[in-house]
């Protein structure tokens, strides 16, 4: 009885055709917060510096 249940469970979980499996690049999936490119980081730093300069001028 247990053997038949385990057999059915294995069939239910298994993938019939390995070609149907989703293949990825193998790279870790990271949150959008950490996906920023180097160019985007530079632009954010530049904008931050511009904002700081503008604040300094207002004083």
N, C-alpha and C. Protein backbone atom coordinates (compact mmCIF):
# COMPACT_ATOMS: atom_id res chain seq x y z
N UNK A 1 0.84 -1.19 0.00
CA UNK A 1 0.00 0.00 0.00
C UNK A 1 0.88 1.25 0.00
N UNK A 2 1.83 1.30 0.93
CA UNK A 2 2.71 2.46 0.99
C UNK A 2 3.55 2.54 -0.28
N UNK A 3 3.97 1.41 -0.76
CA UNK A 3 4.77 1.35 -1.98
C UNK A 3 4.01 1.94 -3.16
N UNK A 4 2.73 1.63 -3.28
CA UNK A 4 1.93 2.15 -4.39
C UNK A 4 1.70 3.66 -4.25
N UNK A 5 1.53 4.12 -3.02
CA UNK A 5 1.36 5.55 -2.79
C UNK A 5 2.64 6.30 -3.16
N UNK A 6 3.80 5.76 -2.75
CA UNK A 6 5.07 6.39 -3.10
C UNK A 6 5.31 6.38 -4.61
N UNK A 7 4.92 5.31 -5.25
CA UNK A 7 5.07 5.21 -6.70
C UNK A 7 4.23 6.26 -7.41
N UNK A 8 2.99 6.41 -6.98
CA UNK A 8 2.11 7.42 -7.57
C UNK A 8 2.63 8.83 -7.29
N UNK A 9 3.14 9.04 -6.11
CA UNK A 9 3.69 10.34 -5.75
C UNK A 9 4.89 10.68 -6.63
N UNK A 10 5.76 9.71 -6.85
CA UNK A 10 6.92 9.92 -7.73
C UNK A 10 6.49 10.25 -9.15
N UNK A 11 5.50 9.55 -9.64
CA UNK A 11 4.98 9.81 -10.99
C UNK A 11 4.37 11.20 -11.08
N UNK A 12 3.68 11.60 -10.06
CA UNK A 12 3.01 12.90 -10.05
C UNK A 12 4.04 14.04 -10.03
N UNK A 13 5.13 13.85 -9.28
CA UNK A 13 6.15 14.88 -9.14
C UNK A 13 7.11 14.92 -10.33
N UNK A 14 7.38 13.78 -10.92
CA UNK A 14 8.41 13.69 -11.96
C UNK A 14 7.99 14.43 -13.23
N UNK A 15 9.02 14.82 -13.98
CA UNK A 15 8.80 15.45 -15.28
C UNK A 15 8.92 14.35 -16.32
N UNK A 16 7.90 14.23 -17.15
CA UNK A 16 7.89 13.13 -18.12
C UNK A 16 9.02 13.27 -19.14
N UNK A 17 9.18 14.45 -19.67
CA UNK A 17 10.18 14.66 -20.71
C UNK A 17 11.20 15.69 -20.24
N UNK A 18 12.46 15.33 -20.14
CA UNK A 18 13.47 16.29 -19.68
C UNK A 18 13.57 17.52 -20.57
N UNK A 19 13.15 17.41 -21.81
CA UNK A 19 13.19 18.56 -22.72
C UNK A 19 12.20 19.64 -22.29
N UNK A 20 11.20 19.29 -21.50
CA UNK A 20 10.20 20.24 -21.06
C UNK A 20 10.69 21.08 -19.87
N UNK A 21 11.81 20.71 -19.31
CA UNK A 21 12.32 21.45 -18.16
C UNK A 21 12.78 22.83 -18.57
N UNK A 22 12.61 23.75 -17.68
CA UNK A 22 13.05 25.11 -17.92
C UNK A 22 14.52 25.20 -17.57
N UNK A 23 15.31 25.67 -18.51
CA UNK A 23 16.73 25.80 -18.26
C UNK A 23 17.07 27.28 -18.15
N UNK A 24 17.86 27.61 -17.17
CA UNK A 24 18.27 29.00 -16.97
C UNK A 24 19.76 29.15 -17.16
N UNK A 25 20.21 30.35 -16.92
CA UNK A 25 21.63 30.63 -17.08
C UNK A 25 22.46 30.09 -15.92
N UNK A 26 21.80 29.80 -14.82
CA UNK A 26 22.51 29.32 -13.65
C UNK A 26 22.91 30.45 -12.72
N UNK A 27 22.68 31.68 -13.15
CA UNK A 27 23.00 32.83 -12.31
C UNK A 27 21.95 32.98 -11.21
N UNK A 28 22.38 33.48 -10.10
CA UNK A 28 21.46 33.69 -8.99
C UNK A 28 20.47 34.80 -9.33
N UNK A 29 19.26 34.63 -8.88
CA UNK A 29 18.25 35.66 -9.08
C UNK A 29 18.32 36.59 -7.89
N UNK A 30 18.51 37.86 -8.17
CA UNK A 30 18.63 38.84 -7.09
C UNK A 30 17.45 39.80 -7.13
N UNK A 31 17.27 40.49 -6.07
CA UNK A 31 16.16 41.43 -6.00
C UNK A 31 16.44 42.62 -6.91
N UNK A 32 15.39 43.30 -7.35
CA UNK A 32 15.58 44.46 -8.23
C UNK A 32 16.47 45.55 -7.62
N UNK A 33 16.51 45.64 -6.32
CA UNK A 33 17.36 46.64 -5.68
C UNK A 33 18.81 46.44 -6.03
N UNK A 34 19.22 45.21 -6.24
CA UNK A 34 20.62 44.89 -6.45
C UNK A 34 20.97 44.68 -7.92
N UNK A 35 20.06 44.97 -8.82
CA UNK A 35 20.29 44.74 -10.24
C UNK A 35 20.82 45.97 -10.96
N UNK A 36 21.12 47.00 -10.27
CA UNK A 36 21.55 48.23 -10.92
C UNK A 36 22.86 48.02 -11.65
N UNK A 37 22.91 48.59 -12.83
CA UNK A 37 24.13 48.49 -13.61
C UNK A 37 25.13 49.54 -13.11
N UNK A 38 26.35 49.39 -13.52
CA UNK A 38 27.39 50.33 -13.14
C UNK A 38 27.06 51.72 -13.67
N UNK A 39 26.52 51.80 -14.88
CA UNK A 39 26.15 53.09 -15.46
C UNK A 39 25.05 53.75 -14.64
N UNK A 40 24.08 52.97 -14.21
CA UNK A 40 22.99 53.53 -13.40
C UNK A 40 23.52 54.03 -12.07
N UNK A 41 24.44 53.28 -11.46
CA UNK A 41 25.04 53.73 -10.20
C UNK A 41 25.78 55.05 -10.38
N UNK A 42 26.53 55.17 -11.48
CA UNK A 42 27.25 56.41 -11.75
C UNK A 42 26.29 57.58 -11.92
N UNK A 43 25.20 57.35 -12.65
CA UNK A 43 24.22 58.42 -12.87
C UNK A 43 23.55 58.82 -11.55
N UNK A 44 23.24 57.85 -10.71
CA UNK A 44 22.66 58.17 -9.41
C UNK A 44 23.63 58.97 -8.54
N UNK A 45 24.90 58.58 -8.58
CA UNK A 45 25.92 59.33 -7.83
C UNK A 45 26.05 60.75 -8.36
N UNK A 46 26.02 60.88 -9.69
CA UNK A 46 26.13 62.22 -10.29
C UNK A 46 24.94 63.09 -9.88
N UNK A 47 23.75 62.54 -9.95
CA UNK A 47 22.56 63.28 -9.56
C UNK A 47 22.59 63.64 -8.08
N UNK A 48 23.10 62.74 -7.26
CA UNK A 48 23.21 63.01 -5.84
C UNK A 48 24.18 64.16 -5.60
N UNK A 49 25.28 64.17 -6.33
CA UNK A 49 26.25 65.25 -6.19
C UNK A 49 25.67 66.58 -6.65
N UNK A 50 24.90 66.56 -7.74
CA UNK A 50 24.26 67.77 -8.23
C UNK A 50 23.29 68.30 -7.18
N UNK A 51 22.52 67.42 -6.60
CA UNK A 51 21.56 67.82 -5.57
C UNK A 51 22.28 68.39 -4.35
N UNK A 52 23.37 67.75 -3.95
CA UNK A 52 24.14 68.26 -2.82
C UNK A 52 24.72 69.63 -3.12
N UNK A 53 25.20 69.83 -4.34
CA UNK A 53 25.76 71.12 -4.75
C UNK A 53 24.67 72.18 -4.72
N UNK A 54 23.50 71.85 -5.22
CA UNK A 54 22.38 72.81 -5.21
C UNK A 54 21.97 73.17 -3.79
N UNK A 55 21.96 72.19 -2.91
CA UNK A 55 21.61 72.47 -1.51
C UNK A 55 22.66 73.37 -0.87
N UNK A 56 23.91 73.12 -1.22
CA UNK A 56 25.00 73.92 -0.65
C UNK A 56 24.90 75.37 -1.14
N UNK A 57 24.51 75.57 -2.38
CA UNK A 57 24.37 76.93 -2.94
C UNK A 57 23.23 77.68 -2.27
N UNK A 58 22.17 76.97 -1.89
CA UNK A 58 21.01 77.61 -1.28
C UNK A 58 21.34 78.16 0.10
N UNK A 59 22.36 77.65 0.76
CA UNK A 59 22.69 78.08 2.12
C UNK A 59 23.41 79.35 2.09
